[in-house]
Amino acid sequence: LQAADVVVVDRLAPRAALDLVAARVIHVGKSPGDHTVGQAEINALLVAEARAGNRVVRLKGGDPFVLGRGGEELAACLDAGVEVEVVPGVTSAVAVPAAAGIPVTHRGMATGFIVATAHGEDPSLVAHLAGIPPEITIVLLMGVRSLQMVVDVLSQQRPATTPAAIVERGWTPEQRTISATLGTVVVA
């Protein structure tokens, strides 16, 4: 970061890291319903800044290759002949539950976990999750707007007493954790 000429930053990136840079900072963060800078524009921006001779850092939160479009950005740069070094992060799918004191695996209870997006409001996008065995923790990212639909789909195969939690703004001073069950999480 300290060697960067340009930092292209996401909304969920660690903002404190920006205190370490003297670079030009370009904000391209998307929020639900507000994609001011589209993905194609971000890809083009990264390529253009690199081709202009700038050392570009793409700062994202978590692991950019886990539902973060990092793969798309990498492909765009490589297709344009831009040399790239990837520095992986720790996915929020594991880090945020840990910050809330919720292990995604636990001996005798959860033998594994699956990560999926709950973005959008199409039940077919999460229908396959209803059949996941109960000893597998399901970690859903970007699911606040589709929470009721997700609960409806999962309730087809899982009891209402299934533990559930929502962690908002994970790893920030505003982190909020709601622990509930599948039957109560919508009203919690």
N, C-alpha and C. Protein backbone atom coordinates (compact mmCIF):
# COMPACT_ATOMS: atom_id res chain seq x y z
N LEU A 1 0.82 -1.21 0.00
CA LEU A 1 0.00 0.00 0.00
C LEU A 1 0.86 1.26 0.00
N GLN A 2 1.93 1.23 0.75
CA GLN A 2 2.76 2.42 0.84
C GLN A 2 3.47 2.74 -0.48
N ALA A 3 3.64 1.74 -1.34
CA ALA A 3 4.30 1.96 -2.62
C ALA A 3 3.31 2.30 -3.73
N ALA A 4 2.03 2.29 -3.43
CA ALA A 4 1.00 2.50 -4.45
C ALA A 4 0.96 3.95 -4.92
N ASP A 5 0.66 4.09 -6.21
CA ASP A 5 0.37 5.41 -6.77
C ASP A 5 -1.14 5.68 -6.73
N VAL A 6 -1.91 4.59 -6.91
CA VAL A 6 -3.36 4.66 -6.94
C VAL A 6 -3.92 3.49 -6.12
N VAL A 7 -4.89 3.77 -5.27
CA VAL A 7 -5.59 2.73 -4.54
C VAL A 7 -7.06 2.80 -4.95
N VAL A 8 -7.54 1.71 -5.52
CA VAL A 8 -8.94 1.60 -5.92
C VAL A 8 -9.62 0.80 -4.83
N VAL A 9 -10.52 1.45 -4.09
CA VAL A 9 -11.02 0.87 -2.84
C VAL A 9 -12.50 0.57 -2.87
N ASP A 10 -12.86 -0.55 -2.26
CA ASP A 10 -14.24 -1.00 -2.10
C ASP A 10 -14.87 -0.41 -0.84
N ARG A 11 -16.17 -0.45 -0.80
CA ARG A 11 -16.91 0.04 0.37
C ARG A 11 -16.58 -0.78 1.62
N LEU A 12 -16.35 -2.08 1.47
CA LEU A 12 -16.12 -2.94 2.62
C LEU A 12 -14.64 -3.14 2.95
N ALA A 13 -13.77 -2.40 2.30
CA ALA A 13 -12.34 -2.52 2.55
C ALA A 13 -12.00 -1.93 3.91
N PRO A 14 -10.89 -2.37 4.50
CA PRO A 14 -10.47 -1.81 5.79
C PRO A 14 -10.02 -0.36 5.65
N ARG A 15 -10.87 0.55 6.07
CA ARG A 15 -10.61 1.99 5.89
C ARG A 15 -9.36 2.47 6.62
N ALA A 16 -9.02 1.84 7.74
CA ALA A 16 -7.83 2.26 8.48
C ALA A 16 -6.57 2.09 7.63
N ALA A 17 -6.60 1.16 6.69
CA ALA A 17 -5.44 0.95 5.81
C ALA A 17 -5.16 2.17 4.95
N LEU A 18 -6.19 2.95 4.67
CA LEU A 18 -6.00 4.14 3.84
C LEU A 18 -5.15 5.20 4.55
N ASP A 19 -5.06 5.11 5.88
CA ASP A 19 -4.21 6.04 6.63
C ASP A 19 -2.73 5.81 6.32
N LEU A 20 -2.40 4.66 5.74
CA LEU A 20 -1.01 4.30 5.46
C LEU A 20 -0.55 4.76 4.09
N VAL A 21 -1.45 5.31 3.28
CA VAL A 21 -1.10 5.60 1.89
C VAL A 21 -1.02 7.10 1.62
N ALA A 22 -0.14 7.42 0.68
CA ALA A 22 -0.05 8.78 0.17
C ALA A 22 -0.59 8.80 -1.26
N ALA A 23 -1.11 7.69 -1.70
CA ALA A 23 -1.58 7.51 -3.08
C ALA A 23 -2.90 8.23 -3.31
N ARG A 24 -3.22 8.37 -4.59
CA ARG A 24 -4.55 8.84 -4.97
C ARG A 24 -5.53 7.70 -4.69
N VAL A 25 -6.62 8.00 -4.01
CA VAL A 25 -7.61 6.98 -3.64
C VAL A 25 -8.86 7.18 -4.49
N ILE A 26 -9.27 6.09 -5.13
CA ILE A 26 -10.48 6.12 -5.96
C ILE A 26 -11.49 5.16 -5.33
N HIS A 27 -12.62 5.70 -4.90
CA HIS A 27 -13.66 4.90 -4.27
C HIS A 27 -14.60 4.34 -5.34
N VAL A 28 -14.75 3.02 -5.35
CA VAL A 28 -15.63 2.37 -6.34
C VAL A 28 -16.60 1.42 -5.65
N GLY A 29 -16.82 1.61 -4.37
CA GLY A 29 -17.65 0.70 -3.59
C GLY A 29 -19.09 0.68 -4.03
N LYS A 30 -19.64 -0.52 -3.97
CA LYS A 30 -21.05 -0.71 -4.29
C LYS A 30 -21.79 -0.98 -2.99
N SER A 31 -23.02 -0.52 -2.92
CA SER A 31 -23.87 -0.86 -1.79
C SER A 31 -25.17 -1.40 -2.35
N PRO A 32 -25.97 -2.07 -1.53
CA PRO A 32 -27.20 -2.67 -2.05
C PRO A 32 -28.05 -1.65 -2.80
N GLY A 33 -28.34 -1.95 -4.05
CA GLY A 33 -29.16 -1.07 -4.87
C GLY A 33 -28.43 0.14 -5.43
N ASP A 34 -27.13 0.28 -5.12
CA ASP A 34 -26.37 1.44 -5.59
C ASP A 34 -25.04 0.97 -6.14
N HIS A 35 -25.01 0.73 -7.43
CA HIS A 35 -23.79 0.31 -8.11
C HIS A 35 -23.34 1.45 -9.02
N THR A 36 -22.94 2.55 -8.39
CA THR A 36 -22.56 3.76 -9.12
C THR A 36 -21.47 3.46 -10.15
N VAL A 37 -20.50 2.65 -9.75
CA VAL A 37 -19.43 2.26 -10.65
C VAL A 37 -19.61 0.77 -10.93
N GLY A 38 -19.94 0.44 -12.15
CA GLY A 38 -20.18 -0.95 -12.52
C GLY A 38 -18.90 -1.74 -12.60
N GLN A 39 -19.02 -3.07 -12.62
CA GLN A 39 -17.84 -3.93 -12.64
C GLN A 39 -16.99 -3.72 -13.89
N ALA A 40 -17.62 -3.55 -15.03
CA ALA A 40 -16.86 -3.32 -16.27
C ALA A 40 -16.04 -2.03 -16.17
N GLU A 41 -16.61 -1.02 -15.53
CA GLU A 41 -15.89 0.25 -15.34
C GLU A 41 -14.72 0.09 -14.38
N ILE A 42 -14.92 -0.71 -13.33
CA ILE A 42 -13.82 -0.97 -12.38
C ILE A 42 -12.69 -1.69 -13.10
N ASN A 43 -13.03 -2.72 -13.88
CA ASN A 43 -12.02 -3.46 -14.62
C ASN A 43 -11.24 -2.52 -15.54
N ALA A 44 -11.96 -1.67 -16.27
CA ALA A 44 -11.32 -0.73 -17.20
C ALA A 44 -10.44 0.27 -16.45
N LEU A 45 -10.90 0.71 -15.30
CA LEU A 45 -10.13 1.66 -14.49
C LEU A 45 -8.80 1.04 -14.04
N LEU A 46 -8.85 -0.18 -13.56
CA LEU A 46 -7.63 -0.85 -13.12
C LEU A 46 -6.63 -0.96 -14.27
N VAL A 47 -7.11 -1.37 -15.42
CA VAL A 47 -6.25 -1.52 -16.59
C VAL A 47 -5.69 -0.16 -17.03
N ALA A 48 -6.55 0.85 -17.11
CA ALA A 48 -6.11 2.18 -17.56
C ALA A 48 -5.06 2.77 -16.62
N GLU A 49 -5.28 2.66 -15.32
CA GLU A 49 -4.31 3.21 -14.36
C GLU A 49 -2.97 2.48 -14.44
N ALA A 50 -3.01 1.16 -14.60
CA ALA A 50 -1.77 0.39 -14.73
C ALA A 50 -1.05 0.74 -16.03
N ARG A 51 -1.79 0.84 -17.12
CA ARG A 51 -1.18 1.18 -18.41
C ARG A 51 -0.61 2.60 -18.42
N ALA A 52 -1.14 3.46 -17.54
CA ALA A 52 -0.61 4.82 -17.43
C ALA A 52 0.70 4.85 -16.63
N GLY A 53 1.15 3.68 -16.19
CA GLY A 53 2.41 3.59 -15.46
C GLY A 53 2.28 3.67 -13.96
N ASN A 54 1.05 3.65 -13.46
CA ASN A 54 0.83 3.72 -12.02
C ASN A 54 0.92 2.34 -11.39
N ARG A 55 1.41 2.30 -10.16
CA ARG A 55 1.36 1.09 -9.35
C ARG A 55 -0.01 1.12 -8.67
N VAL A 56 -0.86 0.18 -9.06
CA VAL A 56 -2.26 0.17 -8.63
C VAL A 56 -2.47 -0.91 -7.59
N VAL A 57 -3.15 -0.53 -6.51
CA VAL A 57 -3.59 -1.50 -5.50
C VAL A 57 -5.10 -1.53 -5.51
N ARG A 58 -5.66 -2.70 -5.62
CA ARG A 58 -7.11 -2.88 -5.52
C ARG A 58 -7.39 -3.36 -4.12
N LEU A 59 -7.93 -2.50 -3.28
CA LEU A 59 -8.15 -2.80 -1.87
C LEU A 59 -9.59 -3.22 -1.66
N LYS A 60 -9.74 -4.46 -1.20
CA LYS A 60 -11.06 -5.02 -0.96
C LYS A 60 -11.09 -5.59 0.45
N GLY A 61 -12.27 -5.83 0.96
CA GLY A 61 -12.41 -6.48 2.25
C GLY A 61 -12.44 -7.99 2.08
N GLY A 62 -11.90 -8.71 3.03
CA GLY A 62 -11.93 -10.16 2.98
C GLY A 62 -11.08 -10.73 1.88
N ASP A 63 -11.50 -11.87 1.35
CA ASP A 63 -10.80 -12.51 0.25
C ASP A 63 -11.49 -12.11 -1.04
N PRO A 64 -10.79 -11.42 -1.94
CA PRO A 64 -11.44 -10.92 -3.15
C PRO A 64 -11.91 -12.02 -4.10
N PHE A 65 -11.49 -13.26 -3.87
CA PHE A 65 -11.89 -14.35 -4.74
C PHE A 65 -13.07 -15.14 -4.17
N VAL A 66 -13.62 -14.71 -3.04
CA VAL A 66 -14.81 -15.35 -2.46
C VAL A 66 -15.95 -14.34 -2.55
N LEU A 67 -16.74 -14.47 -3.60
CA LEU A 67 -17.88 -13.60 -3.85
C LEU A 67 -17.49 -12.12 -3.88
N GLY A 68 -16.26 -11.85 -4.31
CA GLY A 68 -15.78 -10.48 -4.33
C GLY A 68 -15.38 -9.97 -5.71
N ARG A 69 -15.60 -10.74 -6.73
CA ARG A 69 -15.30 -10.38 -8.12
C ARG A 69 -13.82 -10.16 -8.39
N GLY A 70 -12.99 -10.61 -7.47
CA GLY A 70 -11.55 -10.51 -7.68
C GLY A 70 -11.09 -11.29 -8.89
N GLY A 71 -11.72 -12.42 -9.13
CA GLY A 71 -11.36 -13.22 -10.30
C GLY A 71 -11.64 -12.49 -11.59
N GLU A 72 -12.75 -11.77 -11.65
CA GLU A 72 -13.09 -10.98 -12.84
C GLU A 72 -12.07 -9.87 -13.06
N GLU A 73 -11.67 -9.22 -11.98
CA GLU A 73 -10.70 -8.13 -12.08
C GLU A 73 -9.33 -8.66 -12.49
N LEU A 74 -8.94 -9.80 -11.94
CA LEU A 74 -7.68 -10.43 -12.32
C LEU A 74 -7.69 -10.78 -13.81
N ALA A 75 -8.77 -11.40 -14.27
CA ALA A 75 -8.87 -11.79 -15.67
C ALA A 75 -8.80 -10.57 -16.60
N ALA A 76 -9.47 -9.49 -16.21
CA ALA A 76 -9.45 -8.27 -17.04
C ALA A 76 -8.03 -7.73 -17.16
N CYS A 77 -7.31 -7.71 -16.06
CA CYS A 77 -5.93 -7.21 -16.08
C CYS A 77 -5.04 -8.13 -16.91
N LEU A 78 -5.13 -9.42 -16.68
CA LEU A 78 -4.29 -10.36 -17.42
C LEU A 78 -4.60 -10.33 -18.91
N ASP A 79 -5.89 -10.24 -19.25
CA ASP A 79 -6.28 -10.16 -20.67
C ASP A 79 -5.71 -8.91 -21.33
N ALA A 80 -5.51 -7.86 -20.55
CA ALA A 80 -4.96 -6.60 -21.08
C ALA A 80 -3.43 -6.56 -21.01
N GLY A 81 -2.83 -7.65 -20.54
CA GLY A 81 -1.38 -7.70 -20.44
C GLY A 81 -0.81 -7.00 -19.22
N VAL A 82 -1.64 -6.74 -18.25
CA VAL A 82 -1.19 -6.08 -17.02
C VAL A 82 -0.72 -7.16 -16.04
N GLU A 83 0.50 -7.02 -15.58
CA GLU A 83 1.04 -7.97 -14.60
C GLU A 83 0.39 -7.73 -13.25
N VAL A 84 0.04 -8.81 -12.56
CA VAL A 84 -0.72 -8.70 -11.31
C VAL A 84 -0.09 -9.58 -10.24
N GLU A 85 -0.07 -9.07 -9.02
CA GLU A 85 0.29 -9.86 -7.85
C GLU A 85 -0.94 -9.89 -6.96
N VAL A 86 -1.39 -11.07 -6.60
CA VAL A 86 -2.56 -11.21 -5.74
C VAL A 86 -2.10 -11.44 -4.31
N VAL A 87 -2.60 -10.62 -3.40
CA VAL A 87 -2.35 -10.80 -1.97
C VAL A 87 -3.70 -11.18 -1.35
N PRO A 88 -3.88 -12.47 -1.04
CA PRO A 88 -5.19 -12.91 -0.55
C PRO A 88 -5.50 -12.37 0.83
N GLY A 89 -6.79 -12.24 1.08
CA GLY A 89 -7.26 -11.85 2.39
C GLY A 89 -7.93 -13.03 3.06
N VAL A 90 -8.46 -12.81 4.22
CA VAL A 90 -9.22 -13.84 4.93
C VAL A 90 -10.69 -13.56 4.65
N THR A 91 -11.38 -14.54 4.12
CA THR A 91 -12.77 -14.34 3.75
C THR A 91 -13.63 -13.98 4.96
N SER A 92 -14.54 -13.07 4.74
CA SER A 92 -15.48 -12.68 5.79
C SER A 92 -16.37 -13.85 6.20
N ALA A 93 -16.49 -14.84 5.32
CA ALA A 93 -17.32 -16.01 5.64
C ALA A 93 -16.78 -16.77 6.84
N VAL A 94 -15.51 -16.63 7.14
CA VAL A 94 -14.90 -17.27 8.30
C VAL A 94 -14.56 -16.22 9.37
N ALA A 95 -14.00 -15.09 8.94
CA ALA A 95 -13.53 -14.08 9.89
C ALA A 95 -14.66 -13.42 10.67
N VAL A 96 -15.77 -13.11 10.01
CA VAL A 96 -16.85 -12.41 10.70
C VAL A 96 -17.55 -13.31 11.73
N PRO A 97 -17.90 -14.55 11.39
CA PRO A 97 -18.45 -15.40 12.45
C PRO A 97 -17.47 -15.54 13.63
N ALA A 98 -16.18 -15.67 13.35
CA ALA A 98 -15.20 -15.77 14.44
C ALA A 98 -15.21 -14.52 15.30
N ALA A 99 -15.32 -13.35 14.67
CA ALA A 99 -15.36 -12.09 15.42
C ALA A 99 -16.59 -12.03 16.32
N ALA A 100 -17.64 -12.73 15.91
CA ALA A 100 -18.88 -12.76 16.70
C ALA A 100 -18.90 -13.92 17.69
N GLY A 101 -17.81 -14.70 17.74
CA GLY A 101 -17.76 -15.84 18.67
C GLY A 101 -18.52 -17.06 18.17
N ILE A 102 -18.71 -17.16 16.85
CA ILE A 102 -19.46 -18.26 16.26
C ILE A 102 -18.51 -19.09 15.41
N PRO A 103 -18.14 -20.29 15.87
CA PRO A 103 -17.29 -21.13 15.03
C PRO A 103 -18.10 -21.72 13.88
N VAL A 104 -17.50 -21.76 12.69
CA VAL A 104 -18.21 -22.35 11.56
C VAL A 104 -18.10 -23.88 11.58
N THR A 105 -17.11 -24.40 12.29
CA THR A 105 -17.04 -25.84 12.56
C THR A 105 -16.84 -26.00 14.06
N HIS A 106 -17.33 -27.13 14.58
CA HIS A 106 -17.21 -27.38 16.02
C HIS A 106 -17.35 -28.89 16.23
N ARG A 107 -16.37 -29.49 16.88
CA ARG A 107 -16.38 -30.94 17.06
C ARG A 107 -17.71 -31.41 17.67
N GLY A 108 -18.28 -32.40 17.05
CA GLY A 108 -19.54 -32.97 17.54
C GLY A 108 -20.78 -32.23 17.08
N MET A 109 -20.61 -31.10 16.43
CA MET A 109 -21.77 -30.33 15.99
C MET A 109 -21.72 -30.00 14.50
N ALA A 110 -20.62 -29.41 14.07
CA ALA A 110 -20.52 -28.97 12.67
C ALA A 110 -19.20 -29.47 12.09
N THR A 111 -19.30 -30.37 11.13
CA THR A 111 -18.11 -31.00 10.56
C THR A 111 -17.56 -30.27 9.36
N GLY A 112 -18.25 -29.26 8.90
CA GLY A 112 -17.80 -28.50 7.74
C GLY A 112 -18.69 -27.30 7.54
N PHE A 113 -18.40 -26.54 6.49
CA PHE A 113 -19.24 -25.38 6.19
C PHE A 113 -19.25 -25.15 4.69
N ILE A 114 -20.28 -24.46 4.26
CA ILE A 114 -20.43 -24.09 2.86
C ILE A 114 -20.70 -22.58 2.82
N VAL A 115 -20.14 -21.94 1.84
CA VAL A 115 -20.33 -20.49 1.67
C VAL A 115 -21.10 -20.27 0.38
N ALA A 116 -22.12 -19.45 0.46
CA ALA A 116 -22.92 -19.14 -0.72
C ALA A 116 -23.40 -17.70 -0.62
N THR A 117 -23.83 -17.17 -1.74
CA THR A 117 -24.42 -15.84 -1.74
C THR A 117 -25.93 -15.96 -1.59
N ALA A 118 -26.49 -15.03 -0.88
CA ALA A 118 -27.95 -14.94 -0.77
C ALA A 118 -28.40 -13.65 -1.44
N HIS A 119 -27.52 -13.06 -2.23
CA HIS A 119 -27.81 -11.82 -2.94
C HIS A 119 -28.92 -12.08 -3.96
N GLY A 120 -29.87 -11.21 -4.03
CA GLY A 120 -31.00 -11.40 -4.94
C GLY A 120 -32.17 -12.00 -4.19
N GLU A 121 -33.27 -12.09 -4.85
CA GLU A 121 -34.47 -12.58 -4.17
C GLU A 121 -35.12 -13.71 -4.95
N ASP A 122 -34.29 -14.54 -5.55
CA ASP A 122 -34.78 -15.67 -6.33
C ASP A 122 -34.60 -16.94 -5.51
N PRO A 123 -35.70 -17.58 -5.09
CA PRO A 123 -35.59 -18.79 -4.27
C PRO A 123 -34.76 -19.89 -4.90
N SER A 124 -34.72 -19.97 -6.22
CA SER A 124 -33.94 -21.03 -6.86
C SER A 124 -32.44 -20.87 -6.61
N LEU A 125 -32.01 -19.64 -6.29
CA LEU A 125 -30.59 -19.42 -6.03
C LEU A 125 -30.13 -20.04 -4.71
N VAL A 126 -31.04 -20.24 -3.77
CA VAL A 126 -30.67 -20.85 -2.50
C VAL A 126 -31.39 -22.17 -2.24
N ALA A 127 -32.21 -22.62 -3.19
CA ALA A 127 -32.97 -23.86 -2.98
C ALA A 127 -32.07 -25.05 -2.72
N HIS A 128 -30.93 -25.11 -3.38
CA HIS A 128 -30.01 -26.24 -3.19
C HIS A 128 -29.48 -26.31 -1.76
N LEU A 129 -29.53 -25.21 -1.02
CA LEU A 129 -29.03 -25.19 0.35
C LEU A 129 -29.94 -25.93 1.32
N ALA A 130 -31.21 -26.05 0.98
CA ALA A 130 -32.15 -26.72 1.89
C ALA A 130 -31.76 -28.17 2.13
N GLY A 131 -31.13 -28.80 1.17
CA GLY A 131 -30.75 -30.20 1.30
C GLY A 131 -29.39 -30.45 1.93
N ILE A 132 -28.69 -29.39 2.31
CA ILE A 132 -27.37 -29.55 2.95
C ILE A 132 -27.58 -30.24 4.30
N PRO A 133 -26.78 -31.27 4.62
CA PRO A 133 -26.95 -31.96 5.90
C PRO A 133 -26.83 -30.99 7.09
N PRO A 134 -27.54 -31.25 8.16
CA PRO A 134 -27.56 -30.32 9.30
C PRO A 134 -26.22 -30.16 10.01
N GLU A 135 -25.28 -31.10 9.82
CA GLU A 135 -23.98 -30.95 10.47
C GLU A 135 -23.04 -30.05 9.68
N ILE A 136 -23.53 -29.47 8.58
CA ILE A 136 -22.75 -28.54 7.77
C ILE A 136 -23.30 -27.13 8.03
N THR A 137 -22.44 -26.24 8.46
CA THR A 137 -22.83 -24.85 8.67
C THR A 137 -22.98 -24.16 7.32
N ILE A 138 -24.06 -23.43 7.17
CA ILE A 138 -24.29 -22.65 5.95
C ILE A 138 -23.98 -21.19 6.27
N VAL A 139 -23.01 -20.65 5.56
CA VAL A 139 -22.65 -19.24 5.71
C VAL A 139 -23.15 -18.52 4.47
N LEU A 140 -24.08 -17.60 4.65
CA LEU A 140 -24.63 -16.84 3.53
C LEU A 140 -24.13 -15.41 3.61
N LEU A 141 -23.62 -14.94 2.50
CA LEU A 141 -23.15 -13.56 2.42
C LEU A 141 -24.15 -12.74 1.62
N MET A 142 -24.27 -11.49 1.98
CA MET A 142 -25.13 -10.54 1.26
C MET A 142 -26.59 -10.97 1.27
N GLY A 143 -27.11 -11.33 2.42
CA GLY A 143 -28.45 -11.87 2.46
C GLY A 143 -29.48 -11.10 3.25
N VAL A 144 -29.18 -9.90 3.68
CA VAL A 144 -30.12 -9.17 4.53
C VAL A 144 -31.44 -8.92 3.81
N ARG A 145 -31.37 -8.45 2.56
CA ARG A 145 -32.61 -8.13 1.84
C ARG A 145 -33.43 -9.38 1.51
N SER A 146 -32.78 -10.52 1.40
CA SER A 146 -33.49 -11.74 1.02
C SER A 146 -33.69 -12.68 2.21
N LEU A 147 -33.55 -12.17 3.42
CA LEU A 147 -33.62 -13.00 4.62
C LEU A 147 -34.91 -13.82 4.70
N GLN A 148 -36.06 -13.19 4.50
CA GLN A 148 -37.32 -13.93 4.60
C GLN A 148 -37.37 -15.07 3.58
N MET A 149 -36.94 -14.82 2.37
CA MET A 149 -36.94 -15.85 1.34
C MET A 149 -36.00 -16.99 1.73
N VAL A 150 -34.82 -16.66 2.23
CA VAL A 150 -33.86 -17.68 2.64
C VAL A 150 -34.45 -18.54 3.75
N VAL A 151 -35.06 -17.92 4.73
CA VAL A 151 -35.68 -18.67 5.83
C VAL A 151 -36.80 -19.56 5.30
N ASP A 152 -37.62 -19.04 4.40
CA ASP A 152 -38.70 -19.85 3.82
C ASP A 152 -38.15 -21.08 3.12
N VAL A 153 -37.08 -20.91 2.35
CA VAL A 153 -36.49 -22.03 1.60
C VAL A 153 -35.87 -23.04 2.56
N LEU A 154 -35.07 -22.57 3.50
CA LEU A 154 -34.40 -23.49 4.43
C LEU A 154 -35.39 -24.20 5.34
N SER A 155 -36.48 -23.55 5.67
CA SER A 155 -37.49 -24.14 6.56
C SER A 155 -38.19 -25.35 5.94
N GLN A 156 -38.05 -25.51 4.64
CA GLN A 156 -38.64 -26.68 3.99
C GLN A 156 -37.96 -27.97 4.42
N GLN A 157 -36.69 -27.90 4.81
CA GLN A 157 -35.93 -29.10 5.16
C GLN A 157 -35.36 -29.09 6.59
N ARG A 158 -35.34 -27.95 7.22
CA ARG A 158 -34.72 -27.84 8.54
C ARG A 158 -35.77 -27.41 9.57
N PRO A 159 -35.61 -27.91 10.81
CA PRO A 159 -36.57 -27.52 11.85
C PRO A 159 -36.42 -26.05 12.24
N ALA A 160 -37.49 -25.50 12.76
CA ALA A 160 -37.49 -24.10 13.19
C ALA A 160 -36.49 -23.85 14.30
N THR A 161 -36.07 -24.90 15.01
CA THR A 161 -35.12 -24.75 16.12
C THR A 161 -33.66 -24.72 15.67
N THR A 162 -33.42 -24.80 14.37
CA THR A 162 -32.05 -24.76 13.84
C THR A 162 -31.40 -23.43 14.23
N PRO A 163 -30.22 -23.48 14.84
CA PRO A 163 -29.55 -22.22 15.21
C PRO A 163 -29.28 -21.35 13.98
N ALA A 164 -29.44 -20.05 14.16
CA ALA A 164 -29.20 -19.08 13.08
C ALA A 164 -28.62 -17.82 13.70
N ALA A 165 -27.87 -17.10 12.92
CA ALA A 165 -27.32 -15.83 13.40
C ALA A 165 -27.16 -14.89 12.21
N ILE A 166 -27.22 -13.62 12.52
CA ILE A 166 -26.95 -12.56 11.54
C ILE A 166 -25.85 -11.70 12.15
N VAL A 167 -24.82 -11.46 11.37
CA VAL A 167 -23.77 -10.55 11.81
C VAL A 167 -23.72 -9.42 10.78
N GLU A 168 -24.00 -8.24 11.26
CA GLU A 168 -23.97 -7.05 10.40
C GLU A 168 -22.70 -6.26 10.67
N ARG A 169 -22.17 -5.68 9.62
CA ARG A 169 -20.98 -4.82 9.71
C ARG A 169 -19.85 -5.50 10.49
N GLY A 170 -19.59 -6.76 10.15
CA GLY A 170 -18.59 -7.55 10.84
C GLY A 170 -17.21 -6.92 10.82
N TRP A 171 -16.51 -7.09 11.91
CA TRP A 171 -15.15 -6.58 12.10
C TRP A 171 -15.07 -5.07 12.03
N THR A 172 -16.16 -4.39 12.33
CA THR A 172 -16.13 -2.94 12.43
C THR A 172 -16.58 -2.56 13.83
N PRO A 173 -16.36 -1.33 14.25
CA PRO A 173 -16.84 -0.91 15.57
C PRO A 173 -18.37 -0.98 15.68
N GLU A 174 -19.06 -1.01 14.53
CA GLU A 174 -20.52 -1.06 14.53
C GLU A 174 -21.06 -2.49 14.41
N GLN A 175 -20.20 -3.49 14.58
CA GLN A 175 -20.66 -4.87 14.43
C GLN A 175 -21.84 -5.15 15.35
N ARG A 176 -22.83 -5.84 14.78
CA ARG A 176 -24.02 -6.23 15.55
C ARG A 176 -24.31 -7.68 15.23
N THR A 177 -24.51 -8.48 16.26
CA THR A 177 -24.78 -9.90 16.09
C THR A 177 -26.14 -10.23 16.68
N ILE A 178 -26.92 -10.93 15.90
CA ILE A 178 -28.23 -11.41 16.36
C ILE A 178 -28.17 -12.93 16.34
N SER A 179 -28.33 -13.54 17.49
CA SER A 179 -28.39 -15.00 17.59
C SER A 179 -29.84 -15.39 17.77
N ALA A 180 -30.28 -16.35 16.98
CA ALA A 180 -31.68 -16.75 17.01
C ALA A 180 -31.79 -18.20 16.53
N THR A 181 -32.96 -18.53 16.03
CA THR A 181 -33.19 -19.82 15.38
C THR A 181 -33.78 -19.53 14.01
N LEU A 182 -33.86 -20.55 13.21
CA LEU A 182 -34.45 -20.38 11.89
C LEU A 182 -35.88 -19.86 12.00
N GLY A 183 -36.57 -20.28 13.04
CA GLY A 183 -37.95 -19.85 13.25
C GLY A 183 -38.11 -18.44 13.79
N THR A 184 -37.04 -17.88 14.36
CA THR A 184 -37.17 -16.56 14.98
C THR A 184 -36.27 -15.48 14.38
N VAL A 185 -35.36 -15.86 13.50
CA VAL A 185 -34.34 -14.92 13.04
C VAL A 185 -34.93 -13.73 12.28
N VAL A 186 -36.04 -13.91 11.59
CA VAL A 186 -36.61 -12.80 10.83
C VAL A 186 -37.15 -11.73 11.76
N VAL A 187 -37.72 -12.11 12.89
CA VAL A 187 -38.30 -11.12 13.81
C VAL A 187 -37.32 -10.66 14.88
N ALA A 188 -36.15 -11.31 14.94
CA ALA A 188 -35.17 -10.98 16.00
C ALA A 188 -34.56 -9.62 15.80
